Protein backbone atom coordinates (compact mmCIF):
# COMPACT_ATOMS: atom_id res chain seq x y z
CA MET A 1 44.32 16.27 7.47
CA ALA A 2 42.26 13.28 7.02
CA LEU A 3 42.38 10.76 9.54
CA PRO A 4 45.42 7.97 9.46
CA LEU A 5 44.74 4.97 9.47
CA TYR A 6 46.90 2.16 10.41
CA CYS A 7 46.39 -1.79 10.52
CA ASP A 8 48.41 -2.29 13.75
CA ASN A 9 45.90 -1.37 16.86
CA ALA A 10 48.41 -0.16 19.37
CA ARG A 11 50.09 2.37 16.40
CA PHE A 12 46.37 3.59 15.45
CA ASN A 13 45.53 4.34 18.70
CA ARG A 14 48.71 6.58 19.50
CA GLN A 15 47.75 8.38 16.08
CA ILE A 16 43.75 8.76 16.76
CA CYS A 17 44.46 10.21 20.25
CA HIS A 18 46.89 12.78 18.83
CA TYR A 19 44.76 13.69 16.04
CA LEU A 20 41.84 13.82 18.22
CA ILE A 21 43.77 16.03 21.11
CA HIS A 22 44.77 18.47 18.53
CA MET A 23 41.83 18.96 16.37
CA LYS A 24 40.82 22.45 16.10
CA ASP A 25 37.01 21.95 16.02
CA PRO A 26 36.66 18.93 18.63
CA ILE A 27 34.00 15.92 18.10
CA GLU A 28 31.34 16.39 20.25
CA THR A 29 29.93 12.92 22.15
CA ALA A 30 26.54 14.23 20.63
CA GLU A 31 27.54 13.46 17.32
CA LEU A 32 29.63 10.21 18.59
CA LEU A 33 27.04 8.76 19.68
CA SER A 34 24.84 9.31 16.77
CA PHE A 35 27.47 7.40 14.59
CA THR A 36 27.80 4.51 17.09
CA ARG A 37 24.18 4.07 17.23
CA THR A 38 23.43 4.56 13.18
CA VAL A 39 26.37 1.63 12.77
CA GLU A 40 24.55 -1.01 15.43
CA SER A 41 21.11 -0.53 14.39
CA LYS A 42 22.17 0.00 10.48
CA SER A 43 19.95 2.52 9.75
CA LEU A 44 19.09 6.14 10.24
CA SER A 45 15.56 6.16 11.07
CA ARG A 46 16.01 3.26 13.29
CA ALA A 47 18.94 5.07 15.36
CA ALA A 48 16.63 8.58 15.49
CA SER A 49 14.31 6.69 16.84
CA GLU A 50 16.33 5.19 19.55
CA LEU A 51 17.74 8.45 20.64
CA GLY A 52 14.49 10.10 20.50
CA LEU A 53 15.42 12.92 17.95
CA PRO A 54 14.88 13.58 14.18
CA ARG A 55 16.12 11.38 11.23
CA ALA A 56 17.40 14.86 10.03
CA THR A 57 19.61 15.63 13.48
CA ILE A 58 20.62 12.12 13.30
CA SER A 59 21.77 12.47 9.60
CA ARG A 60 23.64 16.32 10.51
CA ARG A 61 25.68 14.70 13.09
CA LEU A 62 27.02 12.61 10.95
CA ALA A 63 27.69 14.78 8.04
CA ARG A 64 29.26 17.48 10.45
CA LEU A 65 31.29 13.68 12.09
CA GLU A 66 32.94 13.37 9.03
CA GLU A 67 33.96 17.01 8.12
CA ARG A 68 35.63 17.19 11.08
CA LEU A 69 38.04 13.75 10.51
CA ARG A 70 37.54 14.54 6.78
CA VAL A 71 37.06 10.73 5.77
CA ARG A 72 33.91 8.92 4.84
CA LEU A 73 32.79 6.87 7.71
CA LEU A 74 29.61 5.74 6.25
CA LYS A 75 27.82 4.95 2.57
CA ARG A 76 23.76 5.70 2.39
CA THR A 77 21.81 5.09 -0.48
CA THR A 78 18.33 5.81 -0.38
CA ARG A 79 17.79 1.33 0.47
CA ARG A 80 21.32 0.84 2.39
CA LEU A 81 23.85 1.64 4.76
CA THR A 82 27.76 0.03 4.72
CA VAL A 83 29.92 1.06 6.97
CA THR A 84 33.48 1.85 5.52
CA ASP A 85 37.02 0.56 6.47
CA ALA A 86 37.55 4.17 8.06
CA GLY A 87 33.87 3.88 9.57
CA GLU A 88 34.95 0.19 11.40
CA ALA A 89 38.10 1.62 12.62
CA PHE A 90 36.66 4.72 14.24
CA TYR A 91 33.35 2.99 15.27
CA ALA A 92 35.69 0.56 18.19
CA HIS A 93 37.20 4.04 18.83
CA ALA A 94 34.32 5.55 19.17
CA LYS A 95 32.41 3.38 21.80
CA ARG A 96 35.72 3.44 24.28
CA VAL A 97 35.14 6.92 24.42
CA LEU A 98 31.94 7.25 24.60
CA GLU A 99 31.85 4.27 27.37
CA ALA A 100 35.04 6.17 28.88
CA VAL A 101 31.79 9.08 29.70
CA GLN A 102 29.29 7.04 30.53
CA GLN A 103 31.31 5.53 32.90
CA ALA A 104 32.50 9.08 34.05
CA GLU A 105 28.41 9.43 34.68
CA GLU A 106 27.76 6.67 36.37
CA SER A 107 30.64 6.66 39.21
CA LEU A 108 28.58 9.55 40.53
CA SER A 109 25.01 7.52 40.83
CA GLN A 110 27.43 5.04 42.45
CA ARG A 111 28.64 7.22 44.69
CA GLU A 112 24.77 8.38 45.32
CA GLY A 113 24.15 5.15 45.52
CA GLU A 114 21.46 4.93 42.62
CA VAL A 115 21.33 2.58 39.82
CA ARG A 116 20.43 4.27 36.48
CA GLY A 117 21.41 4.74 33.02
CA GLU A 118 21.54 1.81 29.49
CA LEU A 119 21.52 -2.03 30.33
CA ARG A 120 21.96 -4.35 26.78
CA VAL A 121 21.31 -7.62 27.95
CA SER A 122 21.43 -10.58 25.83
CA VAL A 123 19.96 -13.91 26.77
CA PRO A 124 18.84 -17.32 25.60
CA PRO A 125 15.05 -17.79 23.81
CA LEU A 126 14.65 -20.63 25.88
CA ALA A 127 14.35 -18.33 29.31
CA ASN A 128 12.09 -20.01 32.01
CA ALA A 129 9.39 -18.15 33.41
CA GLN A 130 11.05 -17.70 36.51
CA LEU A 131 13.89 -15.69 34.82
CA ARG A 132 11.57 -13.52 32.97
CA ASN A 133 10.16 -12.83 36.61
CA HIS A 134 13.49 -11.97 37.81
CA ILE A 135 13.80 -9.62 34.60
CA ALA A 136 10.43 -7.69 35.81
CA LYS A 137 11.21 -7.33 39.50
CA PHE A 138 14.88 -6.06 38.44
CA VAL A 139 12.97 -3.23 36.22
CA ALA A 140 10.60 -2.61 39.64
CA ARG A 141 13.34 -2.23 41.56
CA TYR A 142 15.52 -0.04 39.37
CA PRO A 143 12.82 2.18 37.46
CA GLU A 144 15.82 4.92 36.20
CA VAL A 145 17.57 1.92 34.12
CA ARG A 146 16.88 1.94 30.36
CA LEU A 147 16.56 -2.06 30.01
CA SER A 148 16.98 -3.52 26.59
CA ILE A 149 17.03 -7.70 26.58
CA GLN A 150 17.25 -9.61 23.30
CA PHE A 151 16.52 -13.07 23.37
CA SER A 152 18.62 -14.77 20.86
CA SER A 153 20.85 -18.07 20.38
CA SER A 154 23.57 -15.80 19.08
CA TYR A 155 26.21 -14.64 20.92
CA ALA A 156 26.13 -10.73 21.36
CA ASP A 157 29.44 -9.31 20.99
CA LEU A 158 30.17 -7.47 24.55
CA LEU A 159 33.60 -6.43 23.57
CA SER A 160 32.15 -4.14 21.01
CA GLY A 161 30.06 -2.47 23.41
CA ALA A 162 26.94 -3.46 21.47
CA CYS A 163 26.02 -5.57 24.38
CA ASP A 164 26.21 -5.11 28.37
CA VAL A 165 25.53 -8.70 30.28
CA ALA A 166 24.82 -11.73 28.06
CA LEU A 167 23.55 -15.58 29.69
CA ARG A 168 25.19 -18.06 28.04
CA ALA A 169 25.63 -21.90 28.14
CA SER A 170 29.40 -22.60 26.47
CA PRO A 171 32.51 -24.27 28.10
CA ARG A 172 34.43 -21.07 25.98
CA LEU A 173 34.78 -17.87 26.90
CA GLU A 174 36.76 -15.30 24.62
CA PRO A 175 39.69 -13.46 26.01
CA GLY A 176 38.29 -9.68 27.25
CA LEU A 177 35.13 -10.99 29.05
CA VAL A 178 34.87 -12.11 32.72
CA ALA A 179 32.20 -14.66 33.35
CA ARG A 180 30.28 -15.55 36.42
CA THR A 181 29.59 -19.54 36.68
CA VAL A 182 26.46 -19.91 37.83
CA ALA A 183 25.55 -23.36 36.63
CA ARG A 184 27.46 -26.87 35.55
CA SER A 185 25.56 -29.50 33.63
CA ARG A 186 25.94 -31.95 31.01
CA LEU A 187 25.26 -32.53 26.85
CA THR A 188 24.29 -35.87 26.27
CA CYS A 189 23.32 -37.48 23.31
CA VAL A 190 19.57 -38.38 23.57
CA ALA A 191 16.74 -40.13 21.37
CA SER A 192 13.50 -40.83 21.46
CA PRO A 193 12.24 -44.59 21.84
CA ALA A 194 10.10 -44.65 18.93
CA TYR A 195 13.47 -43.17 16.83
CA LEU A 196 15.61 -45.87 18.46
CA ALA A 197 12.97 -48.86 18.34
CA ALA A 198 13.48 -47.95 14.05
CA HIS A 199 16.77 -47.32 13.67
CA GLY A 200 18.54 -48.91 16.26
CA THR A 201 20.25 -47.84 19.54
CA PRO A 202 24.49 -46.62 18.10
CA LYS A 203 26.88 -48.63 20.01
CA THR A 204 30.01 -46.35 19.28
CA PRO A 205 30.35 -42.53 17.96
CA ALA A 206 30.87 -44.28 14.25
CA ASP A 207 28.10 -45.50 14.16
CA LEU A 208 26.36 -41.40 14.51
CA LYS A 209 27.47 -41.60 10.95
CA ARG A 210 24.74 -43.85 9.92
CA HIS A 211 22.00 -42.30 12.13
CA ARG A 212 20.02 -39.16 11.18
CA CYS A 213 21.42 -36.39 13.71
CA LEU A 214 20.13 -33.30 15.07
CA MET A 215 22.60 -30.37 14.89
CA GLY A 216 22.48 -27.16 16.72
CA PHE A 217 24.83 -23.66 15.45
CA ALA A 218 28.04 -23.12 16.82
CA ARG A 219 27.91 -20.06 18.87
CA GLY A 220 24.24 -19.96 17.63
CA GLU A 221 25.49 -18.59 14.26
CA ILE A 222 27.38 -21.73 12.44
CA PRO A 223 25.60 -24.78 11.56
CA ASP A 224 27.52 -27.62 13.84
CA THR A 225 29.47 -30.34 12.17
CA GLU A 226 31.12 -32.35 15.00
CA TRP A 227 30.32 -33.36 18.92
CA PRO A 228 32.39 -33.85 21.76
CA LEU A 229 33.62 -37.27 23.14
CA GLU A 230 34.20 -37.55 26.78
CA ASP A 231 37.96 -38.07 26.23
CA GLY A 232 38.04 -34.59 24.93
CA SER A 233 38.15 -35.93 21.21
CA ARG A 234 35.26 -35.24 19.06
CA VAL A 235 33.41 -37.19 15.87
CA ARG A 236 32.00 -35.47 12.75
CA LEU A 237 29.05 -35.55 11.43
CA SER A 238 26.93 -34.34 8.22
CA GLY A 239 23.72 -33.94 10.24
CA SER A 240 20.23 -34.33 8.83
CA PHE A 241 18.53 -31.07 10.53
CA PHE A 242 19.77 -27.66 11.87
CA SER A 243 18.80 -25.22 14.42
CA ASN A 244 19.94 -22.47 15.87
CA ASP A 245 16.59 -23.07 18.13
CA ILE A 246 17.31 -25.78 21.05
CA GLY A 247 13.28 -25.96 21.70
CA MET A 248 12.95 -26.70 18.38
CA LEU A 249 16.06 -29.58 18.45
CA ILE A 250 14.26 -30.80 21.80
CA GLU A 251 11.04 -30.93 19.59
CA ALA A 252 12.28 -32.68 17.14
CA ALA A 253 13.92 -35.53 19.12
CA ARG A 254 10.98 -36.16 20.86
CA GLN A 255 9.37 -36.31 17.48
CA GLY A 256 11.85 -39.42 17.05
CA LEU A 257 13.49 -37.50 14.12
CA GLY A 258 17.02 -38.77 15.00
CA LEU A 259 19.35 -38.47 17.91
CA ALA A 260 20.48 -34.75 19.35
CA LEU A 261 22.98 -33.66 21.39
CA LEU A 262 21.24 -31.56 24.43
CA PRO A 263 22.46 -30.23 28.32
CA ASP A 264 20.46 -31.94 30.81
CA LEU A 265 19.04 -28.23 32.24
CA VAL A 266 16.49 -29.09 29.03
CA SER A 267 16.45 -32.45 28.68
CA ALA A 268 16.56 -33.61 32.70
CA PRO A 269 12.26 -33.59 32.23
CA ASP A 270 11.90 -35.89 29.30
CA LEU A 271 14.52 -38.02 30.37
CA LYS A 272 12.38 -38.71 33.73
CA SER A 273 9.03 -39.26 32.10
CA GLY A 274 10.77 -41.82 29.05
CA ALA A 275 9.75 -39.26 26.05
CA LEU A 276 13.71 -39.36 25.63
CA VAL A 277 16.48 -41.90 26.61
CA GLN A 278 20.24 -41.37 26.68
CA VAL A 279 22.25 -43.04 24.43
CA LEU A 280 26.28 -43.47 24.45
CA GLU A 281 26.31 -42.68 27.73
CA GLY A 282 30.51 -41.85 29.09
CA VAL A 283 30.77 -41.51 25.72
CA VAL A 284 29.48 -38.41 23.78
CA GLY A 285 29.08 -35.19 25.83
CA THR A 286 30.88 -32.74 27.67
CA GLU A 287 30.46 -30.53 30.74
CA SER A 288 28.81 -26.96 29.77
CA ARG A 289 28.99 -24.38 31.82
CA VAL A 290 26.22 -21.40 32.23
CA SER A 291 27.70 -18.29 33.20
CA ILE A 292 26.40 -14.68 33.52
CA VAL A 293 29.25 -12.88 30.20
CA TYR A 294 30.48 -9.19 30.70
CA ALA A 295 33.17 -7.41 29.12
CA GLU A 296 36.21 -7.06 31.40
CA ARG A 297 36.34 -3.37 32.86
CA ALA A 298 38.46 -1.21 35.07
CA PHE A 299 34.90 0.34 36.40
CA LEU A 300 31.46 -2.09 36.30
CA PRO A 301 28.55 0.54 35.87
CA PRO A 302 26.39 0.16 38.57
CA GLN A 303 23.08 -0.90 36.27
CA VAL A 304 25.50 -3.99 35.19
CA ARG A 305 26.79 -4.71 38.87
CA ALA A 306 22.70 -5.00 39.52
CA PHE A 307 21.77 -6.95 37.12
CA VAL A 308 24.57 -9.69 37.48
CA ASP A 309 23.26 -9.82 40.76
CA GLU A 310 19.67 -10.78 39.81
CA LEU A 311 20.54 -12.96 37.30
CA SER A 312 22.59 -14.85 39.85
CA ARG A 313 19.32 -15.04 42.41
CA TRP A 314 17.47 -16.37 39.46
CA VAL A 315 20.24 -19.22 39.32
CA ALA A 316 20.06 -19.80 42.98
CA SER A 317 16.72 -19.96 43.44
CA ASP A 318 15.53 -21.99 40.09
CA LEU A 319 14.97 -25.40 40.89
CA VAL A 320 15.75 -27.09 37.16
CA GLY A 321 19.37 -25.51 37.99
CA ARG A 322 19.81 -27.48 41.28
CA GLU A 323 18.63 -30.25 39.26
CA ILE A 324 20.95 -30.73 36.68
CA GLU A 325 23.45 -31.63 39.19
CA THR A 326 21.76 -34.79 39.56
CA HIS A 327 22.04 -35.63 36.31
CA ALA A 328 25.83 -33.85 35.69
CA ARG A 329 27.59 -36.94 36.14
CA PRO A 330 28.10 -39.42 33.27
CA SER A 331 28.05 -43.29 34.17
CA THR A 332 31.90 -44.73 34.30
CA LYS A 333 31.13 -48.38 34.03
CA LYS A 334 31.63 -48.71 30.90
CA GLY A 335 35.44 -49.31 31.28
CA ALA A 336 37.27 -50.72 28.33
CA LYS A 337 34.04 -50.68 26.29
CA ASN A 338 33.94 -46.67 26.48
CA SER A 339 38.41 -47.02 25.71
CA LEU A 340 36.87 -48.96 22.17
CA ALA A 341 34.16 -46.60 21.20
CA ARG A 342 36.16 -43.62 21.68
CA ARG A 343 38.73 -45.01 19.34
CA GLN A 344 36.29 -45.98 17.06
CA ALA A 345 35.28 -41.99 16.78
CA SER A 346 37.60 -41.05 14.14
CA GLU A 347 37.34 -44.02 11.79
């Protein structure tokens, strides 16, 4: 019998549960682990290396899994590995099964007061030295935790189980995630004095369309095409430079390459020194939350909880985080002029 696949998730859940329960030759967790790690690493060799097993062992487990299910999960060639539609559907359920097994094991560790197990974390590439220090302290405090840190501007997929904890600066949160807000700042429009002297200072959001705008990436993946306005609307921009690295955007703004929309968390030192100045204050920008994010679960693994607590301690002790508050409130003295500027944003 081939594995039944349906577009409707609820129906598929019932079918696959019934199928797995009544299998004469039940699937082993080792096979599920080999499959999910291969999908995530997109390579048999990398999966074998991560699991500390020979490549041939991973290959045999995958072949045995496909034979049990009687469906092709992966397409393998000498140069490329791709996941089939059936494999994509099965991957989500395999992750849930492995997560349940892991939670069962970790519940014993929690009862014994021990923190152990695998922990995968995603943090922005502009993490400061103090955050790195706290991560090192966490590793020293919990030697039984196998910690993997990925520095990336892209949003890690927490719901798929590819990552356990992420540090994000975003006003939005996907359904199914839990966020502990640890700091609030604002996105503000800034430029170097040299750029403004050469190109003039924009007076309205519509003026931005005639300026060189340094754009980031939405979710760290897709080039931005808009900037938010304080009244909740947005102004559409073509942009002259794009980067998903906020450090690159800061440097480009310092070098006079254009206007940038930056969080107070990183722009405050340059604003204080005069290397950058704020423009369209109270008109362009929005609040941004710095949050520790993880998937919503009935049982939170102890290593996840311990790491979330460690990140919270970093924020509480970080002087830069406290400095954000002094720059977080936009000026409200522009009154009617701001209202006129906002109306012109859609021109």
